């Protein structure tokens, strides 16, 4: 991938947060550094960064969010404040169950558990 100042700034912004930002959020942050950037440019660069394996795209329903953490992990999502938290859930039992009951070889598991975070208990 050819060097791009815009892509570098976008990557730095995604890597600077654990909030799993949306493209709109990233766009707002990028405009602090590149005021004339378009939302389309942000989307294109987020896609290129995902395609190159620099960031991951995760889906929160129909909303794409971006994650710098590319290692396998799961998420907890608060249905009150919308915060998403990275967690490691034990998935080996699930993989074995699916293999045994459905004769299906699982290559990847991504689980998002939805509930209420401790800020809203």
PDB file of N, CA and C in Angstrom:
ATOM      1  N   UNK A   1       0.862  -1.174   0.000  1.00  0.00           N
ATOM      2  CA  UNK A   1       0.000   0.000   0.000  1.00  0.00           C
ATOM      3  C   UNK A   1       0.906   1.233   0.000  1.00  0.00           C
ATOM      4  N   UNK A   2       0.601   2.127  -0.879  1.00  0.00           N
ATOM      5  CA  UNK A   2       1.340   3.385  -0.993  1.00  0.00           C
ATOM      6  C   UNK A   2       1.087   4.250   0.242  1.00  0.00           C
ATOM      7  N   UNK A   3       2.100   5.006   0.673  1.00  0.00           N
ATOM      8  CA  UNK A   3       1.964   5.886   1.830  1.00  0.00           C
ATOM      9  C   UNK A   3       0.918   6.961   1.570  1.00  0.00           C
ATOM     10  N   UNK A   4       0.118   7.241   2.585  1.00  0.00           N
ATOM     11  CA  UNK A   4      -0.862   8.311   2.516  1.00  0.00           C
ATOM     12  C   UNK A   4      -0.920   8.986   3.880  1.00  0.00           C
ATOM     13  N   UNK A   5      -0.711  10.293   3.889  1.00  0.00           N
ATOM     14  CA  UNK A   5      -0.786  11.061   5.135  1.00  0.00           C
ATOM     15  C   UNK A   5      -2.177  10.911   5.759  1.00  0.00           C
ATOM     16  N   UNK A   6      -3.213  10.960   4.929  1.00  0.00           N
ATOM     17  CA  UNK A   6      -4.583  10.827   5.433  1.00  0.00           C
ATOM     18  C   UNK A   6      -4.778   9.477   6.111  1.00  0.00           C
ATOM     19  N   UNK A   7      -4.326   8.407   5.466  1.00  0.00           N
ATOM     20  CA  UNK A   7      -4.484   7.059   6.017  1.00  0.00           C
ATOM     21  C   UNK A   7      -3.700   6.918   7.321  1.00  0.00           C
ATOM     22  N   UNK A   8      -2.517   7.533   7.381  1.00  0.00           N
ATOM     23  CA  UNK A   8      -1.712   7.473   8.602  1.00  0.00           C
ATOM     24  C   UNK A   8      -2.456   8.138   9.767  1.00  0.00           C
ATOM     25  N   UNK A   9      -3.040   9.304   9.536  1.00  0.00           N
ATOM     26  CA  UNK A   9      -3.791  10.011  10.587  1.00  0.00           C
ATOM     27  C   UNK A   9      -4.991   9.171  11.017  1.00  0.00           C
ATOM     28  N   UNK A  10      -5.712   8.615  10.056  1.00  0.00           N
ATOM     29  CA  UNK A  10      -6.894   7.791  10.363  1.00  0.00           C
ATOM     30  C   UNK A  10      -6.480   6.583  11.193  1.00  0.00           C
ATOM     31  N   UNK A  11      -5.400   5.921  10.818  1.00  0.00           N
ATOM     32  CA  UNK A  11      -4.900   4.780  11.567  1.00  0.00           C
ATOM     33  C   UNK A  11      -4.524   5.188  12.988  1.00  0.00           C
ATOM     34  N   UNK A  12      -3.820   6.287  13.132  1.00  0.00           N
ATOM     35  CA  UNK A  12      -3.426   6.770  14.460  1.00  0.00           C
ATOM     36  C   UNK A  12      -4.647   7.042  15.333  1.00  0.00           C
ATOM     37  N   UNK A  13      -5.688   7.603  14.753  1.00  0.00           N
ATOM     38  CA  UNK A  13      -6.902   7.898  15.511  1.00  0.00           C
ATOM     39  C   UNK A  13      -7.573   6.618  15.978  1.00  0.00           C
ATOM     40  N   UNK A  14      -7.702   5.628  15.097  1.00  0.00           N
ATOM     41  CA  UNK A  14      -8.316   4.354  15.501  1.00  0.00           C
ATOM     42  C   UNK A  14      -7.465   3.684  16.583  1.00  0.00           C
ATOM     43  N   UNK A  15      -6.145   3.743  16.435  1.00  0.00           N
ATOM     44  CA  UNK A  15      -5.257   3.125  17.420  1.00  0.00           C
ATOM     45  C   UNK A  15      -5.219   3.880  18.745  1.00  0.00           C
ATOM     46  N   UNK A  16      -5.719   5.098  18.777  1.00  0.00           N
ATOM     47  CA  UNK A  16      -5.651   5.915  19.995  1.00  0.00           C
ATOM     48  C   UNK A  16      -6.831   5.707  20.940  1.00  0.00           C
ATOM     49  N   UNK A  17      -7.783   4.861  20.555  1.00  0.00           N
ATOM     50  CA  UNK A  17      -8.981   4.705  21.378  1.00  0.00           C
ATOM     51  C   UNK A  17      -9.369   3.238  21.513  1.00  0.00           C
ATOM     52  N   UNK A  18      -9.974   2.919  22.635  1.00  0.00           N
ATOM     53  CA  UNK A  18     -10.528   1.580  22.849  1.00  0.00           C
ATOM     54  C   UNK A  18     -12.039   1.593  22.681  1.00  0.00           C
ATOM     55  N   UNK A  19     -12.586   2.664  22.106  1.00  0.00           N
ATOM     56  CA  UNK A  19     -14.039   2.842  22.046  1.00  0.00           C
ATOM     57  C   UNK A  19     -14.703   2.165  20.855  1.00  0.00           C
ATOM     58  N   UNK A  20     -13.929   1.514  19.974  1.00  0.00           N
ATOM     59  CA  UNK A  20     -14.489   0.880  18.782  1.00  0.00           C
ATOM     60  C   UNK A  20     -15.293   1.912  17.980  1.00  0.00           C
ATOM     61  N   UNK A  21     -14.606   2.947  17.477  1.00  0.00           N
ATOM     62  CA  UNK A  21     -15.302   4.079  16.850  1.00  0.00           C
ATOM     63  C   UNK A  21     -15.977   3.740  15.529  1.00  0.00           C
ATOM     64  N   UNK A  22     -16.980   4.539  15.208  1.00  0.00           N
ATOM     65  CA  UNK A  22     -17.643   4.468  13.907  1.00  0.00           C
ATOM     66  C   UNK A  22     -16.884   5.369  12.940  1.00  0.00           C
ATOM     67  N   UNK A  23     -17.185   5.248  11.652  1.00  0.00           N
ATOM     68  CA  UNK A  23     -16.552   6.105  10.642  1.00  0.00           C
ATOM     69  C   UNK A  23     -16.892   7.568  10.894  1.00  0.00           C
ATOM     70  N   UNK A  24     -18.112   7.851  11.328  1.00  0.00           N
ATOM     71  CA  UNK A  24     -18.501   9.242  11.608  1.00  0.00           C
ATOM     72  C   UNK A  24     -17.655   9.835  12.734  1.00  0.00           C
ATOM     73  N   UNK A  25     -17.414   9.042  13.778  1.00  0.00           N
ATOM     74  CA  UNK A  25     -16.593   9.513  14.890  1.00  0.00           C
ATOM     75  C   UNK A  25     -15.166   9.773  14.411  1.00  0.00           C
ATOM     76  N   UNK A  26     -14.623   8.808  13.640  1.00  0.00           N
ATOM     77  CA  UNK A  26     -13.265   8.961  13.104  1.00  0.00           C
ATOM     78  C   UNK A  26     -13.197  10.213  12.230  1.00  0.00           C
ATOM     79  N   UNK A  27     -14.208  10.419  11.398  1.00  0.00           N
ATOM     80  CA  UNK A  27     -14.276  11.592  10.522  1.00  0.00           C
ATOM     81  C   UNK A  27     -14.194  12.886  11.342  1.00  0.00           C
ATOM     82  N   UNK A  28     -14.953  12.951  12.429  1.00  0.00           N
ATOM     83  CA  UNK A  28     -14.920  14.136  13.286  1.00  0.00           C
ATOM     84  C   UNK A  28     -13.543  14.393  13.874  1.00  0.00           C
ATOM     85  N   UNK A  29     -12.870  13.329  14.267  1.00  0.00           N
ATOM     86  CA  UNK A  29     -11.530  13.463  14.838  1.00  0.00           C
ATOM     87  C   UNK A  29     -10.499  13.843  13.772  1.00  0.00           C
ATOM     88  N   UNK A  30     -10.587  13.229  12.594  1.00  0.00           N
ATOM     89  CA  UNK A  30      -9.637  13.508  11.512  1.00  0.00           C
ATOM     90  C   UNK A  30      -9.731  14.963  11.079  1.00  0.00           C
ATOM     91  N   UNK A  31     -10.930  15.527  11.104  1.00  0.00           N
ATOM     92  CA  UNK A  31     -11.113  16.922  10.646  1.00  0.00           C
ATOM     93  C   UNK A  31     -10.346  17.914  11.516  1.00  0.00           C
ATOM     94  N   UNK A  32      -9.957  17.519  12.723  1.00  0.00           N
ATOM     95  CA  UNK A  32      -9.115  18.398  13.555  1.00  0.00           C
ATOM     96  C   UNK A  32      -7.744  18.591  12.914  1.00  0.00           C
ATOM     97  N   UNK A  33      -7.270  17.576  12.188  1.00  0.00           N
ATOM     98  CA  UNK A  33      -5.943  17.601  11.571  1.00  0.00           C
ATOM     99  C   UNK A  33      -5.995  17.912  10.080  1.00  0.00           C
ATOM    100  N   UNK A  34      -7.074  17.455   9.431  1.00  0.00           N
ATOM    101  CA  UNK A  34      -7.242  17.663   7.989  1.00  0.00           C
ATOM    102  C   UNK A  34      -8.663  18.201   7.783  1.00  0.00           C
ATOM    103  N   UNK A  35      -8.855  19.511   7.964  1.00  0.00           N
ATOM    104  CA  UNK A  35     -10.213  20.074   7.948  1.00  0.00           C
ATOM    105  C   UNK A  35     -11.002  19.836   6.663  1.00  0.00           C
ATOM    106  N   UNK A  36     -10.339  19.698   5.528  1.00  0.00           N
ATOM    107  CA  UNK A  36     -11.065  19.576   4.260  1.00  0.00           C
ATOM    108  C   UNK A  36     -11.243  18.119   3.806  1.00  0.00           C
ATOM    109  N   UNK A  37     -10.970  17.151   4.662  1.00  0.00           N
ATOM    110  CA  UNK A  37     -11.128  15.743   4.273  1.00  0.00           C
ATOM    111  C   UNK A  37     -12.615  15.412   4.137  1.00  0.00           C
ATOM    112  N   UNK A  38     -12.942  14.519   3.221  1.00  0.00           N
ATOM    113  CA  UNK A  38     -14.353  14.141   3.041  1.00  0.00           C
ATOM    114  C   UNK A  38     -14.642  12.849   3.799  1.00  0.00           C
ATOM    115  N   UNK A  39     -15.915  12.640   4.113  1.00  0.00           N
ATOM    116  CA  UNK A  39     -16.341  11.418   4.775  1.00  0.00           C
ATOM    117  C   UNK A  39     -16.046  10.210   3.885  1.00  0.00           C
ATOM    118  N   UNK A  40     -16.215  10.356   2.587  1.00  0.00           N
ATOM    119  CA  UNK A  40     -15.912   9.278   1.647  1.00  0.00           C
ATOM    120  C   UNK A  40     -14.450   8.861   1.711  1.00  0.00           C
ATOM    121  N   UNK A  41     -13.557   9.825   1.855  1.00  0.00           N
ATOM    122  CA  UNK A  41     -12.126   9.531   1.973  1.00  0.00           C
ATOM    123  C   UNK A  41     -11.856   8.749   3.249  1.00  0.00           C
ATOM    124  N   UNK A  42     -12.532   9.117   4.319  1.00  0.00           N
ATOM    125  CA  UNK A  42     -12.370   8.389   5.581  1.00  0.00           C
ATOM    126  C   UNK A  42     -12.839   6.945   5.404  1.00  0.00           C
ATOM    127  N   UNK A  43     -14.013   6.753   4.813  1.00  0.00           N
ATOM    128  CA  UNK A  43     -14.523   5.398   4.574  1.00  0.00           C
ATOM    129  C   UNK A  43     -13.561   4.577   3.714  1.00  0.00           C
ATOM    130  N   UNK A  44     -13.052   5.168   2.635  1.00  0.00           N
ATOM    131  CA  UNK A  44     -12.130   4.447   1.749  1.00  0.00           C
ATOM    132  C   UNK A  44     -10.858   4.028   2.485  1.00  0.00           C
ATOM    133  N   UNK A  45     -10.342   4.935   3.294  1.00  0.00           N
ATOM    134  CA  UNK A  45      -9.118   4.628   4.028  1.00  0.00           C
ATOM    135  C   UNK A  45      -9.353   3.608   5.135  1.00  0.00           C
ATOM    136  N   UNK A  46     -10.497   3.653   5.790  1.00  0.00           N
ATOM    137  CA  UNK A  46     -10.822   2.639   6.796  1.00  0.00           C
ATOM    138  C   UNK A  46     -10.912   1.262   6.132  1.00  0.00           C
ATOM    139  N   UNK A  47     -11.487   1.218   4.947  1.00  0.00           N
ATOM    140  CA  UNK A  47     -11.577  -0.053   4.216  1.00  0.00           C
ATOM    141  C   UNK A  47     -10.186  -0.552   3.834  1.00  0.00           C
ATOM    142  N   UNK A  48      -9.338   0.337   3.354  1.00  0.00           N
ATOM    143  CA  UNK A  48      -7.972  -0.067   2.983  1.00  0.00           C
ATOM    144  C   UNK A  48      -7.203  -0.566   4.204  1.00  0.00           C
ATOM    145  N   UNK A  49      -7.348   0.122   5.331  1.00  0.00           N
ATOM    146  CA  UNK A  49      -6.671  -0.299   6.559  1.00  0.00           C
ATOM    147  C   UNK A  49      -7.168  -1.672   7.005  1.00  0.00           C
ATOM    148  N   UNK A  50      -8.470  -1.920   6.845  1.00  0.00           N
ATOM    149  CA  UNK A  50      -9.040  -3.234   7.177  1.00  0.00           C
ATOM    150  C   UNK A  50      -8.522  -4.287   6.209  1.00  0.00           C
ATOM    151  N   UNK A  51      -8.547  -3.984   4.906  1.00  0.00           N
ATOM    152  CA  UNK A  51      -8.084  -4.932   3.896  1.00  0.00           C
ATOM    153  C   UNK A  51      -6.615  -5.306   4.101  1.00  0.00           C
ATOM    154  N   UNK A  52      -5.814  -4.371   4.582  1.00  0.00           N
ATOM    155  CA  UNK A  52      -4.387  -4.614   4.819  1.00  0.00           C
ATOM    156  C   UNK A  52      -4.133  -5.280   6.170  1.00  0.00           C
ATOM    157  N   UNK A  53      -5.189  -5.460   6.986  1.00  0.00           N
ATOM    158  CA  UNK A  53      -5.029  -6.114   8.283  1.00  0.00           C
ATOM    159  C   UNK A  53      -4.461  -5.215   9.365  1.00  0.00           C
ATOM    160  N   UNK A  54      -4.509  -3.915   9.151  1.00  0.00           N
ATOM    161  CA  UNK A  54      -3.977  -2.968  10.130  1.00  0.00           C
ATOM    162  C   UNK A  54      -5.003  -2.714  11.237  1.00  0.00           C
ATOM    163  N   UNK A  55      -6.279  -2.711  10.873  1.00  0.00           N
ATOM    164  CA  UNK A  55      -7.380  -2.611  11.824  1.00  0.00           C
ATOM    165  C   UNK A  55      -8.412  -3.677  11.450  1.00  0.00           C
ATOM    166  N   UNK A  56      -9.414  -3.863  12.305  1.00  0.00           N
ATOM    167  CA  UNK A  56     -10.514  -4.796  12.021  1.00  0.00           C
ATOM    168  C   UNK A  56     -11.809  -4.014  11.966  1.00  0.00           C
ATOM    169  N   UNK A  57     -12.730  -4.498  11.160  1.00  0.00           N
ATOM    170  CA  UNK A  57     -14.084  -3.972  11.170  1.00  0.00           C
ATOM    171  C   UNK A  57     -14.931  -4.966  11.940  1.00  0.00           C
ATOM    172  N   UNK A  58     -15.673  -4.455  12.913  1.00  0.00           N
ATOM    173  CA  UNK A  58     -16.619  -5.289  13.644  1.00  0.00           C
ATOM    174  C   UNK A  58     -17.993  -4.667  13.449  1.00  0.00           C
ATOM    175  N   UNK A  59     -19.008  -5.496  13.474  1.00  0.00           N
ATOM    176  CA  UNK A  59     -20.354  -4.990  13.218  1.00  0.00           C
ATOM    177  C   UNK A  59     -21.179  -5.026  14.489  1.00  0.00           C
ATOM    178  N   UNK A  60     -21.772  -3.889  14.786  1.00  0.00           N
ATOM    179  CA  UNK A  60     -22.659  -3.694  15.927  1.00  0.00           C
ATOM    180  C   UNK A  60     -24.047  -3.520  15.320  1.00  0.00           C
ATOM    181  N   UNK A  61     -24.703  -4.644  15.036  1.00  0.00           N
ATOM    182  CA  UNK A  61     -25.936  -4.590  14.260  1.00  0.00           C
ATOM    183  C   UNK A  61     -25.551  -4.196  12.846  1.00  0.00           C
ATOM    184  N   UNK A  62     -26.150  -3.128  12.337  1.00  0.00           N
ATOM    185  CA  UNK A  62     -25.848  -2.662  10.988  1.00  0.00           C
ATOM    186  C   UNK A  62     -24.731  -1.615  10.974  1.00  0.00           C
ATOM    187  N   UNK A  63     -24.180  -1.279  12.132  1.00  0.00           N
ATOM    188  CA  UNK A  63     -23.173  -0.228  12.239  1.00  0.00           C
ATOM    189  C   UNK A  63     -21.775  -0.842  12.239  1.00  0.00           C
ATOM    190  N   UNK A  64     -20.932  -0.362  11.334  1.00  0.00           N
ATOM    191  CA  UNK A  64     -19.535  -0.792  11.298  1.00  0.00           C
ATOM    192  C   UNK A  64     -18.758   0.015  12.326  1.00  0.00           C
ATOM    193  N   UNK A  65     -17.963  -0.693  13.114  1.00  0.00           N
ATOM    194  CA  UNK A  65     -17.059  -0.067  14.070  1.00  0.00           C
ATOM    195  C   UNK A  65     -15.655  -0.561  13.752  1.00  0.00           C
ATOM    196  N   UNK A  66     -14.667   0.178  14.185  1.00  0.00           N
ATOM    197  CA  UNK A  66     -13.288  -0.135  13.840  1.00  0.00           C
ATOM    198  C   UNK A  66     -12.490  -0.396  15.112  1.00  0.00           C
ATOM    199  N   UNK A  67     -11.642  -1.401  15.050  1.00  0.00           N
ATOM    200  CA  UNK A  67     -10.923  -1.890  16.219  1.00  0.00           C
ATOM    201  C   UNK A  67      -9.462  -2.082  15.854  1.00  0.00           C
ATOM    202  N   UNK A  68      -8.574  -1.503  16.635  1.00  0.00           N
ATOM    203  CA  UNK A  68      -7.137  -1.678  16.398  1.00  0.00           C
ATOM    204  C   UNK A  68      -6.663  -3.046  16.877  1.00  0.00           C
ATOM    205  N   UNK A  69      -7.407  -3.667  17.796  1.00  0.00           N
ATOM    206  CA  UNK A  69      -7.022  -4.944  18.376  1.00  0.00           C
ATOM    207  C   UNK A  69      -7.383  -6.066  17.406  1.00  0.00           C
ATOM    208  N   UNK A  70      -6.404  -6.573  16.685  1.00  0.00           N
ATOM    209  CA  UNK A  70      -6.651  -7.600  15.670  1.00  0.00           C
ATOM    210  C   UNK A  70      -6.579  -9.009  16.218  1.00  0.00           C
ATOM    211  N   UNK A  71      -6.138  -9.166  17.452  1.00  0.00           N
ATOM    212  CA  UNK A  71      -6.078 -10.514  18.011  1.00  0.00           C
ATOM    213  C   UNK A  71      -7.500 -11.016  18.277  1.00  0.00           C
ATOM    214  N   UNK A  72      -7.705 -12.328  18.233  1.00  0.00           N
ATOM    215  CA  UNK A  72      -9.060 -12.857  18.472  1.00  0.00           C
ATOM    216  C   UNK A  72      -9.564 -12.462  19.857  1.00  0.00           C
ATOM    217  N   UNK A  73     -10.732 -11.869  19.887  1.00  0.00           N
ATOM    218  CA  UNK A  73     -11.340 -11.482  21.158  1.00  0.00           C
ATOM    219  C   UNK A  73     -12.831 -11.269  20.965  1.00  0.00           C
ATOM    220  N   UNK A  74     -13.533 -11.138  22.073  1.00  0.00           N
ATOM    221  CA  UNK A  74     -14.971 -10.943  22.065  1.00  0.00           C
ATOM    222  C   UNK A  74     -15.279  -9.578  22.662  1.00  0.00           C
ATOM    223  N   UNK A  75     -16.570  -9.245  22.722  1.00  0.00           N
ATOM    224  CA  UNK A  75     -16.972  -7.926  23.219  1.00  0.00           C
ATOM    225  C   UNK A  75     -18.148  -8.013  24.182  1.00  0.00           C
ATOM    226  N   UNK A  76     -18.162  -7.083  25.118  1.00  0.00           N
ATOM    227  CA  UNK A  76     -19.323  -6.824  25.952  1.00  0.00           C
ATOM    228  C   UNK A  76     -19.852  -5.479  25.492  1.00  0.00           C
ATOM    229  N   UNK A  77     -21.170  -5.379  25.271  1.00  0.00           N
ATOM    230  CA  UNK A  77     -21.760  -4.118  24.822  1.00  0.00           C
ATOM    231  C   UNK A  77     -22.851  -3.696  25.794  1.00  0.00           C
ATOM    232  N   UNK A  78     -22.722  -2.483  26.307  1.00  0.00           N
ATOM    233  CA  UNK A  78     -23.735  -1.948  27.219  1.00  0.00           C
ATOM    234  C   UNK A  78     -24.901  -1.407  26.396  1.00  0.00           C
ATOM    235  N   UNK A  79     -26.113  -1.902  26.678  1.00  0.00           N
ATOM    236  CA  UNK A  79     -27.278  -1.421  25.930  1.00  0.00           C
ATOM    237  C   UNK A  79     -27.820  -0.108  26.491  1.00  0.00           C
ATOM    238  N   UNK A  80     -27.158   0.452  27.524  1.00  0.00           N
ATOM    239  CA  UNK A  80     -27.554   1.759  28.049  1.00  0.00           C
ATOM    240  C   UNK A  80     -26.671   2.849  27.447  1.00  0.00           C
ATOM    241  N   UNK A  81     -25.337   2.709  27.588  1.00  0.00           N
ATOM    242  CA  UNK A  81     -24.432   3.756  27.102  1.00  0.00           C
ATOM    243  C   UNK A  81     -23.793   3.416  25.756  1.00  0.00           C
ATOM    244  N   UNK A  82     -23.901   2.171  25.298  1.00  0.00           N
ATOM    245  CA  UNK A  82     -23.349   1.776  24.005  1.00  0.00           C
ATOM    246  C   UNK A  82     -21.886   1.414  24.017  1.00  0.00           C
ATOM    247  N   UNK A  83     -21.229   1.495  25.171  1.00  0.00           N
ATOM    248  CA  UNK A  83     -19.810   1.174  25.254  1.00  0.00           C
ATOM    249  C   UNK A  83     -19.562  -0.288  24.905  1.00  0.00           C
ATOM    250  N   UNK A  84     -18.479  -0.534  24.160  1.00  0.00           N
ATOM    251  CA  UNK A  84     -18.051  -1.900  23.847  1.00  0.00           C
ATOM    252  C   UNK A  84     -16.708  -2.133  24.509  1.00  0.00           C
ATOM    253  N   UNK A  85     -16.589  -3.279  25.171  1.00  0.00           N
ATOM    254  CA  UNK A  85     -15.387  -3.612  25.920  1.00  0.00           C
ATOM    255  C   UNK A  85     -14.812  -4.909  25.362  1.00  0.00           C
ATOM    256  N   UNK A  86     -13.495  -4.935  25.141  1.00  0.00           N
ATOM    257  CA  UNK A  86     -12.822  -6.147  24.691  1.00  0.00           C
ATOM    258  C   UNK A  86     -12.706  -7.125  25.852  1.00  0.00           C
ATOM    259  N   UNK A  87     -13.017  -8.399  25.602  1.00  0.00           N
ATOM    260  CA  UNK A  87     -12.870  -9.462  26.598  1.00  0.00           C
ATOM    261  C   UNK A  87     -12.392 -10.731  25.911  1.00  0.00           C
ATOM    262  N   UNK A  88     -11.842 -11.634  26.679  1.00  0.00           N
ATOM    263  CA  UNK A  88     -11.455 -12.964  26.207  1.00  0.00           C
ATOM    264  C   UNK A  88     -12.404 -13.963  26.847  1.00  0.00           C
ATOM    265  N   UNK A  89     -13.291 -14.532  26.066  1.00  0.00           N
ATOM    266  CA  UNK A  89     -14.207 -15.552  26.567  1.00  0.00           C
ATOM    267  C   UNK A  89     -13.688 -16.922  26.134  1.00  0.00           C
ATOM    268  N   UNK A  90     -13.824 -17.927  26.995  1.00  0.00           N
ATOM    269  CA  UNK A  90     -13.373 -19.270  26.603  1.00  0.00           C
ATOM    270  C   UNK A  90     -14.302 -19.846  25.535  1.00  0.00           C
ATOM    271  N   UNK A  91     -13.775 -20.062  24.330  1.00  0.00           N
ATOM    272  CA  UNK A  91     -14.590 -20.524  23.206  1.00  0.00           C
ATOM    273  C   UNK A  91     -14.342 -21.976  22.825  1.00  0.00           C
ATOM    274  N   UNK A  92     -13.371 -22.642  23.475  1.00  0.00           N
ATOM    275  CA  UNK A  92     -13.038 -24.016  23.087  1.00  0.00           C
ATOM    276  C   UNK A  92     -14.224 -24.954  23.243  1.00  0.00           C
ATOM    277  N   UNK A  93     -14.982 -24.832  24.332  1.00  0.00           N
ATOM    278  CA  UNK A  93     -16.150 -25.684  24.535  1.00  0.00           C
ATOM    279  C   UNK A  93     -17.191 -25.468  23.455  1.00  0.00           C
ATOM    280  N   UNK A  94     -17.371 -24.238  23.048  1.00  0.00           N
ATOM    281  CA  UNK A  94     -18.332 -23.913  21.995  1.00  0.00           C
ATOM    282  C   UNK A  94     -17.898 -24.537  20.668  1.00  0.00           C
ATOM    283  N   UNK A  95     -16.626 -24.437  20.352  1.00  0.00           N
ATOM    284  CA  UNK A  95     -16.098 -25.029  19.114  1.00  0.00           C
ATOM    285  C   UNK A  95     -16.329 -26.544  19.092  1.00  0.00           C
ATOM    286  N   UNK A  96     -16.045 -27.198  20.227  1.00  0.00           N
ATOM    287  CA  UNK A  96     -16.234 -28.656  20.307  1.00  0.00           C
ATOM    288  C   UNK A  96     -17.701 -29.030  20.174  1.00  0.00           C
ATOM    289  N   UNK A  97     -18.575 -28.276  20.839  1.00  0.00           N
ATOM    290  CA  UNK A  97     -20.012 -28.560  20.772  1.00  0.00           C
ATOM    291  C   UNK A  97     -20.521 -28.445  19.343  1.00  0.00           C
ATOM    292  N   UNK A  98     -20.135 -27.388  18.656  1.00  0.00           N
ATOM    293  CA  UNK A  98     -20.576 -27.193  17.266  1.00  0.00           C
ATOM    294  C   UNK A  98     -20.036 -28.316  16.386  1.00  0.00           C
ATOM    295  N   UNK A  99     -18.799 -28.699  16.584  1.00  0.00           N
ATOM    296  CA  UNK A  99     -18.205 -29.783  15.788  1.00  0.00           C
ATOM    297  C   UNK A  99     -18.949 -31.095  16.052  1.00  0.00           C
ATOM    298  N   UNK A 100     -19.199 -31.396  17.332  1.00  0.00           N
ATOM    299  CA  UNK A 100     -19.854 -32.653  17.695  1.00  0.00           C
ATOM    300  C   UNK A 100     -21.314 -32.701  17.249  1.00  0.00           C
ATOM    301  N   UNK A 101     -22.046 -31.617  17.464  1.00  0.00           N
ATOM    302  CA  UNK A 101     -23.489 -31.631  17.195  1.00  0.00           C
ATOM    303  C   UNK A 101     -23.864 -31.311  15.749  1.00  0.00           C
ATOM    304  N   UNK A 102     -23.025 -30.542  15.064  1.00  0.00           N
ATOM    305  CA  UNK A 102     -23.390 -30.094  13.715  1.00  0.00           C
ATOM    306  C   UNK A 102     -22.376 -30.512  12.649  1.00  0.00           C
ATOM    307  N   UNK A 103     -21.306 -31.207  13.069  1.00  0.00           N
ATOM    308  CA  UNK A 103     -20.244 -31.597  12.154  1.00  0.00           C
ATOM    309  C   UNK A 103     -19.780 -30.395  11.331  1.00  0.00           C
ATOM    310  N   UNK A 104     -19.523 -29.302  12.036  1.00  0.00           N
ATOM    311  CA  UNK A 104     -19.132 -28.031  11.423  1.00  0.00           C
ATOM    312  C   UNK A 104     -17.827 -27.598  12.071  1.00  0.00           C
ATOM    313  N   UNK A 105     -16.812 -27.359  11.255  1.00  0.00           N
ATOM    314  CA  UNK A 105     -15.506 -26.949  11.744  1.00  0.00           C
ATOM    315  C   UNK A 105     -15.474 -25.424  11.881  1.00  0.00           C
ATOM    316  N   UNK A 106     -15.395 -24.935  13.101  1.00  0.00           N
ATOM    317  CA  UNK A 106     -15.387 -23.498  13.378  1.00  0.00           C
ATOM    318  C   UNK A 106     -13.969 -22.965  13.214  1.00  0.00           C
ATOM    319  N   UNK A 107     -13.811 -21.932  12.386  1.00  0.00           N
ATOM    320  CA  UNK A 107     -12.495 -21.334  12.187  1.00  0.00           C
ATOM    321  C   UNK A 107     -12.309 -20.074  13.025  1.00  0.00           C
ATOM    322  N   UNK A 108     -13.413 -19.426  13.377  1.00  0.00           N
ATOM    323  CA  UNK A 108     -13.316 -18.184  14.139  1.00  0.00           C
ATOM    324  C   UNK A 108     -14.604 -17.986  14.921  1.00  0.00           C
ATOM    325  N   UNK A 109     -14.473 -17.478  16.125  1.00  0.00           N
ATOM    326  CA  UNK A 109     -15.641 -17.186  16.967  1.00  0.00           C
ATOM    327  C   UNK A 109     -15.525 -15.744  17.417  1.00  0.00           C
ATOM    328  N   UNK A 110     -16.573 -14.965  17.189  1.00  0.00           N
ATOM    329  CA  UNK A 110     -16.654 -13.609  17.708  1.00  0.00           C
ATOM    330  C   UNK A 110     -17.997 -13.480  18.396  1.00  0.00           C
ATOM    331  N   UNK A 111     -17.959 -13.255  19.688  1.00  0.00           N
ATOM    332  CA  UNK A 111     -19.190 -13.160  20.476  1.00  0.00           C
ATOM    333  C   UNK A 111     -19.312 -11.747  21.021  1.00  0.00           C
ATOM    334  N   UNK A 112     -20.503 -11.190  20.922  1.00  0.00           N
ATOM    335  CA  UNK A 112     -20.810  -9.924  21.573  1.00  0.00           C
ATOM    336  C   UNK A 112     -21.947 -10.192  22.548  1.00  0.00           C
ATOM    337  N   UNK A 113     -21.656 -10.024  23.820  1.00  0.00           N
ATOM    338  CA  UNK A 113     -22.668 -10.173  24.848  1.00  0.00           C
ATOM    339  C   UNK A 113     -23.230  -8.784  25.160  1.00  0.00           C
ATOM    340  N   UNK A 114     -24.542  -8.661  25.150  1.00  0.00           N
ATOM    341  CA  UNK A 114     -25.202  -7.370  25.346  1.00  0.00           C
ATOM    342  C   UNK A 114     -25.866  -7.365  26.709  1.00  0.00           C
ATOM    343  N   UNK A 115     -25.695  -6.290  27.434  1.00  0.00           N
ATOM    344  CA  UNK A 115     -26.289  -6.160  28.770  1.00  0.00           C
ATOM    345  C   UNK A 115     -26.071  -4.765  29.299  1.00  0.00           C
ATOM    346  N   UNK A 116     -25.875  -4.663  30.594  1.00  0.00           N
ATOM    347  CA  UNK A 116     -25.723  -3.367  31.242  1.00  0.00           C
ATOM    348  C   UNK A 116     -24.376  -3.338  31.973  1.00  0.00           C
ATOM    349  N   UNK A 117     -23.565  -2.336  31.668  1.00  0.00           N
ATOM    350  CA  UNK A 117     -22.247  -2.234  32.292  1.00  0.00           C
ATOM    351  C   UNK A 117     -22.381  -1.781  33.750  1.00  0.00           C
ATOM    352  N   UNK A 118     -21.268  -1.878  34.486  1.00  0.00           N
ATOM    353  CA  UNK A 118     -21.306  -1.552  35.912  1.00  0.00           C
ATOM    354  C   UNK A 118     -21.566  -0.081  36.196  1.00  0.00           C
ATOM    355  N   UNK A 119     -21.456   0.784  35.204  1.00  0.00           N
ATOM    356  CA  UNK A 119     -21.774   2.207  35.391  1.00  0.00           C
ATOM    357  C   UNK A 119     -23.275   2.422  35.530  1.00  0.00           C
ATOM    358  N   UNK A 120     -24.064   1.427  35.089  1.00  0.00           N
ATOM    359  CA  UNK A 120     -25.531   1.566  35.069  1.00  0.00           C
ATOM    360  C   UNK A 120     -26.218   0.507  35.910  1.00  0.00           C
ATOM    361  N   UNK A 121     -25.474  -0.120  36.805  1.00  0.00           N
ATOM    362  CA  UNK A 121     -26.045  -1.212  37.626  1.00  0.00           C
ATOM    363  C   UNK A 121     -27.008  -0.679  38.670  1.00  0.00           C
TER     364      UNK A 121
END
